[in-house]
């Protein structure tokens, strides 16, 4: 895609790289550029299917809400129209920016959690030896590592490293073993802390 943007669109290489990193737009563009007319048609059909499903399921939710709250049942078409009106109001209010930000933050949080679990299982537990069978009620090293990784990836280093998942995984890989093997080492049952 970088070559396409530089050769065909005439963008500078750095701008083309930034354009490719802007997901999900780059995925759709890649599919349409390399798929040609068939890729373009498949993308339109896929989007139409998704929109119809989203529209109908949201109208069902609204119908159930009004039915449960005030027993109002004017018909499915009314709620399809109401769902579209609500969607247009939300789009006008630019709610998608908030949703996109929330999903991005949840992705960073999930990657930090997964990195903590993997690091604990494959690296930390093997070095703890006999204490690894005794689990703490709260793994404070994991909690601190996840919070630190999300803070670093999303707010501290986000402007410099746009792929926040890499930053969160790297932070957990460094911070979690260091904390778990030193400061927050598990205590054997029956021993005094």
C-alpha atoms as a PDB file:
ATOM      1  CA  UNK A   1       0.000   0.000   0.000  1.00  0.00           C
ATOM      2  CA  UNK A   2       2.908   2.367   0.666  1.00  0.00           C
ATOM      3  CA  UNK A   3       4.157   1.744  -2.871  1.00  0.00           C
ATOM      4  CA  UNK A   4       0.657   2.342  -4.243  1.00  0.00           C
ATOM      5  CA  UNK A   5       0.289   5.622  -2.379  1.00  0.00           C
ATOM      6  CA  UNK A   6       3.729   6.857  -3.441  1.00  0.00           C
ATOM      7  CA  UNK A   7       3.589   5.726  -7.091  1.00  0.00           C
ATOM      8  CA  UNK A   8      -0.061   6.222  -8.007  1.00  0.00           C
ATOM      9  CA  UNK A   9      -1.259   8.898  -5.590  1.00  0.00           C
ATOM     10  CA  UNK A  10       2.061  10.772  -5.557  1.00  0.00           C
ATOM     11  CA  UNK A  11       2.303  11.035  -1.775  1.00  0.00           C
ATOM     12  CA  UNK A  12       5.699  11.366  -0.069  1.00  0.00           C
ATOM     13  CA  UNK A  13       6.932   8.112   1.483  1.00  0.00           C
ATOM     14  CA  UNK A  14       6.469   9.311   5.083  1.00  0.00           C
ATOM     15  CA  UNK A  15       2.898  10.491   4.446  1.00  0.00           C
ATOM     16  CA  UNK A  16       2.143   7.192   2.678  1.00  0.00           C
ATOM     17  CA  UNK A  17       3.419   5.209   5.693  1.00  0.00           C
ATOM     18  CA  UNK A  18       1.245   7.260   8.040  1.00  0.00           C
ATOM     19  CA  UNK A  19      -1.751   6.738   5.743  1.00  0.00           C
ATOM     20  CA  UNK A  20      -1.272   2.958   5.792  1.00  0.00           C
ATOM     21  CA  UNK A  21      -1.111   2.935   9.613  1.00  0.00           C
ATOM     22  CA  UNK A  22      -4.508   4.657   9.880  1.00  0.00           C
ATOM     23  CA  UNK A  23      -6.697   1.639  10.495  1.00  0.00           C
ATOM     24  CA  UNK A  24      -9.465   0.631   9.682  1.00  0.00           C
ATOM     25  CA  UNK A  25      -9.395   2.917   6.628  1.00  0.00           C
ATOM     26  CA  UNK A  26      -6.205   1.276   5.351  1.00  0.00           C
ATOM     27  CA  UNK A  27      -7.781  -2.193   5.462  1.00  0.00           C
ATOM     28  CA  UNK A  28     -10.741  -1.134   3.315  1.00  0.00           C
ATOM     29  CA  UNK A  29      -8.466   0.764   0.941  1.00  0.00           C
ATOM     30  CA  UNK A  30      -6.144  -2.220   0.577  1.00  0.00           C
ATOM     31  CA  UNK A  31      -9.061  -4.533  -0.128  1.00  0.00           C
ATOM     32  CA  UNK A  32     -10.451  -2.208  -2.802  1.00  0.00           C
ATOM     33  CA  UNK A  33      -7.118  -1.347  -4.423  1.00  0.00           C
ATOM     34  CA  UNK A  34      -5.899  -4.923  -4.757  1.00  0.00           C
ATOM     35  CA  UNK A  35      -9.337  -6.458  -5.274  1.00  0.00           C
ATOM     36  CA  UNK A  36     -10.287  -4.089  -8.075  1.00  0.00           C
ATOM     37  CA  UNK A  37     -13.943  -3.981  -9.078  1.00  0.00           C
ATOM     38  CA  UNK A  38     -14.712  -7.292  -7.355  1.00  0.00           C
ATOM     39  CA  UNK A  39     -13.062  -6.106  -4.140  1.00  0.00           C
ATOM     40  CA  UNK A  40     -14.991  -2.850  -4.308  1.00  0.00           C
ATOM     41  CA  UNK A  41     -18.284  -4.687  -4.856  1.00  0.00           C
ATOM     42  CA  UNK A  42     -17.575  -7.141  -2.019  1.00  0.00           C
ATOM     43  CA  UNK A  43     -16.735  -4.260   0.317  1.00  0.00           C
ATOM     44  CA  UNK A  44     -20.008  -2.498  -0.502  1.00  0.00           C
ATOM     45  CA  UNK A  45     -22.016  -5.701  -0.012  1.00  0.00           C
ATOM     46  CA  UNK A  46     -20.257  -6.444   3.279  1.00  0.00           C
ATOM     47  CA  UNK A  47     -20.928  -2.938   4.552  1.00  0.00           C
ATOM     48  CA  UNK A  48     -24.560  -3.094   3.440  1.00  0.00           C
ATOM     49  CA  UNK A  49     -25.034  -6.402   5.265  1.00  0.00           C
ATOM     50  CA  UNK A  50     -23.433  -5.016   8.416  1.00  0.00           C
ATOM     51  CA  UNK A  51     -25.570  -1.873   8.283  1.00  0.00           C
ATOM     52  CA  UNK A  52     -28.796  -3.830   7.836  1.00  0.00           C
ATOM     53  CA  UNK A  53     -27.938  -6.145  10.735  1.00  0.00           C
ATOM     54  CA  UNK A  54     -26.932  -3.250  12.986  1.00  0.00           C
ATOM     55  CA  UNK A  55     -30.041  -1.283  12.071  1.00  0.00           C
ATOM     56  CA  UNK A  56     -32.424  -4.155  12.677  1.00  0.00           C
ATOM     57  CA  UNK A  57     -30.803  -5.290  15.920  1.00  0.00           C
ATOM     58  CA  UNK A  58     -30.832  -1.733  17.289  1.00  0.00           C
ATOM     59  CA  UNK A  59     -34.514  -1.407  16.376  1.00  0.00           C
ATOM     60  CA  UNK A  60     -35.183  -4.646  18.283  1.00  0.00           C
ATOM     61  CA  UNK A  61     -33.394  -3.251  21.330  1.00  0.00           C
ATOM     62  CA  UNK A  62     -35.410  -0.043  21.197  1.00  0.00           C
ATOM     63  CA  UNK A  63     -38.642  -2.004  20.693  1.00  0.00           C
ATOM     64  CA  UNK A  64     -37.889  -4.140  23.744  1.00  0.00           C
ATOM     65  CA  UNK A  65     -36.986  -1.069  25.784  1.00  0.00           C
ATOM     66  CA  UNK A  66     -40.228   0.767  25.007  1.00  0.00           C
ATOM     67  CA  UNK A  67     -42.256  -2.406  25.463  1.00  0.00           C
ATOM     68  CA  UNK A  68     -40.729  -3.065  28.891  1.00  0.00           C
ATOM     69  CA  UNK A  69     -40.900   0.544  30.104  1.00  0.00           C
ATOM     70  CA  UNK A  70     -44.243   1.827  28.870  1.00  0.00           C
ATOM     71  CA  UNK A  71     -45.783  -1.129  26.964  1.00  0.00           C
ATOM     72  CA  UNK A  72     -45.697   0.838  23.703  1.00  0.00           C
ATOM     73  CA  UNK A  73     -45.765  -1.426  20.611  1.00  0.00           C
ATOM     74  CA  UNK A  74     -46.338   0.663  17.460  1.00  0.00           C
ATOM     75  CA  UNK A  75     -44.620  -1.825  15.128  1.00  0.00           C
ATOM     76  CA  UNK A  76     -41.185  -2.737  13.864  1.00  0.00           C
ATOM     77  CA  UNK A  77     -41.053  -0.103  11.088  1.00  0.00           C
ATOM     78  CA  UNK A  78     -41.505   2.685  13.638  1.00  0.00           C
ATOM     79  CA  UNK A  79     -38.537   1.437  15.620  1.00  0.00           C
ATOM     80  CA  UNK A  80     -36.373   1.010  12.500  1.00  0.00           C
ATOM     81  CA  UNK A  81     -37.043   4.669  11.671  1.00  0.00           C
ATOM     82  CA  UNK A  82     -36.460   5.696  15.301  1.00  0.00           C
ATOM     83  CA  UNK A  83     -33.164   3.750  15.367  1.00  0.00           C
ATOM     84  CA  UNK A  84     -32.007   5.591  12.230  1.00  0.00           C
ATOM     85  CA  UNK A  85     -32.966   8.965  13.688  1.00  0.00           C
ATOM     86  CA  UNK A  86     -31.062   8.186  16.894  1.00  0.00           C
ATOM     87  CA  UNK A  87     -28.056   7.014  14.837  1.00  0.00           C
ATOM     88  CA  UNK A  88     -28.054  10.242  12.808  1.00  0.00           C
ATOM     89  CA  UNK A  89     -28.197  12.337  15.985  1.00  0.00           C
ATOM     90  CA  UNK A  90     -25.286  10.361  17.446  1.00  0.00           C
ATOM     91  CA  UNK A  91     -23.287  10.730  14.235  1.00  0.00           C
ATOM     92  CA  UNK A  92     -23.960  14.457  14.250  1.00  0.00           C
ATOM     93  CA  UNK A  93     -22.637  14.530  17.815  1.00  0.00           C
ATOM     94  CA  UNK A  94     -19.479  12.717  16.622  1.00  0.00           C
ATOM     95  CA  UNK A  95     -19.959   9.812  19.007  1.00  0.00           C
ATOM     96  CA  UNK A  96     -17.843   7.553  16.798  1.00  0.00           C
ATOM     97  CA  UNK A  97     -14.686   9.322  17.975  1.00  0.00           C
ATOM     98  CA  UNK A  98     -15.524   8.357  21.555  1.00  0.00           C
ATOM     99  CA  UNK A  99     -16.380   4.786  20.569  1.00  0.00           C
ATOM    100  CA  UNK A 100     -13.161   4.457  18.569  1.00  0.00           C
ATOM    101  CA  UNK A 101     -11.139   5.815  21.490  1.00  0.00           C
ATOM    102  CA  UNK A 102     -12.855   3.423  23.913  1.00  0.00           C
ATOM    103  CA  UNK A 103     -12.219   0.411  21.659  1.00  0.00           C
ATOM    104  CA  UNK A 104      -8.580   1.432  21.238  1.00  0.00           C
ATOM    105  CA  UNK A 105      -8.163   1.764  25.011  1.00  0.00           C
ATOM    106  CA  UNK A 106      -9.805  -1.639  25.574  1.00  0.00           C
ATOM    107  CA  UNK A 107      -7.419  -3.193  23.020  1.00  0.00           C
ATOM    108  CA  UNK A 108      -4.437  -1.772  24.883  1.00  0.00           C
ATOM    109  CA  UNK A 109      -5.839  -2.982  28.206  1.00  0.00           C
ATOM    110  CA  UNK A 110      -6.533  -6.468  26.849  1.00  0.00           C
ATOM    111  CA  UNK A 111      -3.054  -6.759  25.345  1.00  0.00           C
ATOM    112  CA  UNK A 112      -1.498  -5.715  28.665  1.00  0.00           C
ATOM    113  CA  UNK A 113      -3.622  -8.294  30.522  1.00  0.00           C
ATOM    114  CA  UNK A 114      -2.692 -11.035  28.044  1.00  0.00           C
ATOM    115  CA  UNK A 115       0.999 -10.115  28.254  1.00  0.00           C
ATOM    116  CA  UNK A 116       0.804 -10.296  32.052  1.00  0.00           C
ATOM    117  CA  UNK A 117      -0.781 -13.752  31.976  1.00  0.00           C
ATOM    118  CA  UNK A 118       1.735 -15.062  29.437  1.00  0.00           C
ATOM    119  CA  UNK A 119       4.675 -13.520  31.284  1.00  0.00           C
ATOM    120  CA  UNK A 120       3.473 -14.981  34.569  1.00  0.00           C
ATOM    121  CA  UNK A 121       2.976 -18.466  33.160  1.00  0.00           C
ATOM    122  CA  UNK A 122       6.098 -18.797  30.997  1.00  0.00           C
ATOM    123  CA  UNK A 123       8.628 -16.641  32.800  1.00  0.00           C
ATOM    124  CA  UNK A 124       7.806 -15.659  36.375  1.00  0.00           C
ATOM    125  CA  UNK A 125       6.342 -18.903  37.770  1.00  0.00           C
ATOM    126  CA  UNK A 126       9.343 -20.931  36.634  1.00  0.00           C
ATOM    127  CA  UNK A 127      11.684 -18.634  38.535  1.00  0.00           C
ATOM    128  CA  UNK A 128       9.603 -18.549  41.718  1.00  0.00           C
ATOM    129  CA  UNK A 129      10.025 -22.261  42.362  1.00  0.00           C
ATOM    130  CA  UNK A 130       8.039 -23.735  45.283  1.00  0.00           C
ATOM    131  CA  UNK A 131       6.287 -20.441  46.068  1.00  0.00           C
ATOM    132  CA  UNK A 132       4.595 -20.496  42.674  1.00  0.00           C
ATOM    133  CA  UNK A 133       1.943 -22.900  44.025  1.00  0.00           C
ATOM    134  CA  UNK A 134       0.801 -20.329  46.603  1.00  0.00           C
ATOM    135  CA  UNK A 135      -1.366 -17.743  44.909  1.00  0.00           C
ATOM    136  CA  UNK A 136      -1.984 -14.266  46.275  1.00  0.00           C
ATOM    137  CA  UNK A 137      -5.540 -13.007  46.575  1.00  0.00           C
ATOM    138  CA  UNK A 138      -4.559 -10.038  44.394  1.00  0.00           C
ATOM    139  CA  UNK A 139      -1.529 -10.086  42.152  1.00  0.00           C
ATOM    140  CA  UNK A 140      -0.487  -6.500  42.824  1.00  0.00           C
ATOM    141  CA  UNK A 141       2.513  -6.769  40.533  1.00  0.00           C
ATOM    142  CA  UNK A 142       0.142  -7.634  37.676  1.00  0.00           C
ATOM    143  CA  UNK A 143      -2.301  -4.858  38.534  1.00  0.00           C
ATOM    144  CA  UNK A 144       0.461  -2.254  38.711  1.00  0.00           C
ATOM    145  CA  UNK A 145       2.112  -3.535  35.519  1.00  0.00           C
ATOM    146  CA  UNK A 146      -1.175  -3.389  33.585  1.00  0.00           C
ATOM    147  CA  UNK A 147      -2.018   0.125  34.801  1.00  0.00           C
ATOM    148  CA  UNK A 148       1.512   1.315  34.070  1.00  0.00           C
ATOM    149  CA  UNK A 149       1.506  -0.275  30.599  1.00  0.00           C
ATOM    150  CA  UNK A 150      -1.858   1.231  29.647  1.00  0.00           C
ATOM    151  CA  UNK A 151      -0.802   4.658  30.925  1.00  0.00           C
ATOM    152  CA  UNK A 152       2.494   4.522  29.018  1.00  0.00           C
ATOM    153  CA  UNK A 153       1.021   3.141  25.802  1.00  0.00           C
ATOM    154  CA  UNK A 154      -2.119   5.251  25.602  1.00  0.00           C
ATOM    155  CA  UNK A 155      -1.148   8.583  27.116  1.00  0.00           C
ATOM    156  CA  UNK A 156       2.590   8.897  27.695  1.00  0.00           C
ATOM    157  CA  UNK A 157       4.036   7.307  24.541  1.00  0.00           C
ATOM    158  CA  UNK A 158       0.890   7.312  22.338  1.00  0.00           C
ATOM    159  CA  UNK A 159       1.891  10.425  20.368  1.00  0.00           C
ATOM    160  CA  UNK A 160       5.314   8.922  19.591  1.00  0.00           C
ATOM    161  CA  UNK A 161       4.378   5.260  19.046  1.00  0.00           C
ATOM    162  CA  UNK A 162       0.956   5.004  17.336  1.00  0.00           C
ATOM    163  CA  UNK A 163       0.700   1.202  17.658  1.00  0.00           C
ATOM    164  CA  UNK A 164      -0.087   1.154  21.366  1.00  0.00           C
ATOM    165  CA  UNK A 165      -0.366  -2.632  21.659  1.00  0.00           C
ATOM    166  CA  UNK A 166       3.379  -3.015  21.106  1.00  0.00           C
ATOM    167  CA  UNK A 167       4.149  -0.459  23.802  1.00  0.00           C
ATOM    168  CA  UNK A 168       1.811  -2.056  26.349  1.00  0.00           C
ATOM    169  CA  UNK A 169       3.227  -5.541  25.748  1.00  0.00           C
ATOM    170  CA  UNK A 170       6.801  -4.243  26.029  1.00  0.00           C
ATOM    171  CA  UNK A 171       6.014  -2.378  29.261  1.00  0.00           C
ATOM    172  CA  UNK A 172       4.431  -5.459  30.837  1.00  0.00           C
ATOM    173  CA  UNK A 173       7.337  -7.652  29.713  1.00  0.00           C
ATOM    174  CA  UNK A 174       9.732  -5.362  31.576  1.00  0.00           C
ATOM    175  CA  UNK A 175       7.737  -4.190  34.601  1.00  0.00           C
ATOM    176  CA  UNK A 176       5.771  -7.301  35.613  1.00  0.00           C
ATOM    177  CA  UNK A 177       8.680  -9.750  36.065  1.00  0.00           C
ATOM    178  CA  UNK A 178      10.715  -7.063  37.826  1.00  0.00           C
ATOM    179  CA  UNK A 179       7.925  -6.377  40.333  1.00  0.00           C
ATOM    180  CA  UNK A 180       6.807  -9.985  40.797  1.00  0.00           C
ATOM    181  CA  UNK A 181      10.285 -11.365  41.340  1.00  0.00           C
ATOM    182  CA  UNK A 182      11.378  -8.620  43.759  1.00  0.00           C
ATOM    183  CA  UNK A 183       8.887  -6.345  45.527  1.00  0.00           C
ATOM    184  CA  UNK A 184       5.673  -8.381  45.195  1.00  0.00           C
ATOM    185  CA  UNK A 185       7.145 -11.855  45.591  1.00  0.00           C
ATOM    186  CA  UNK A 186       4.510 -14.364  46.834  1.00  0.00           C
ATOM    187  CA  UNK A 187       4.761 -15.366  50.502  1.00  0.00           C
ATOM    188  CA  UNK A 188       4.713 -19.029  51.536  1.00  0.00           C
ATOM    189  CA  UNK A 189       1.649 -20.124  53.510  1.00  0.00           C
ATOM    190  CA  UNK A 190       2.327 -20.086  57.255  1.00  0.00           C
ATOM    191  CA  UNK A 191       5.362 -17.794  57.045  1.00  0.00           C
ATOM    192  CA  UNK A 192       5.327 -14.272  58.448  1.00  0.00           C
ATOM    193  CA  UNK A 193       5.666 -11.347  56.083  1.00  0.00           C
END
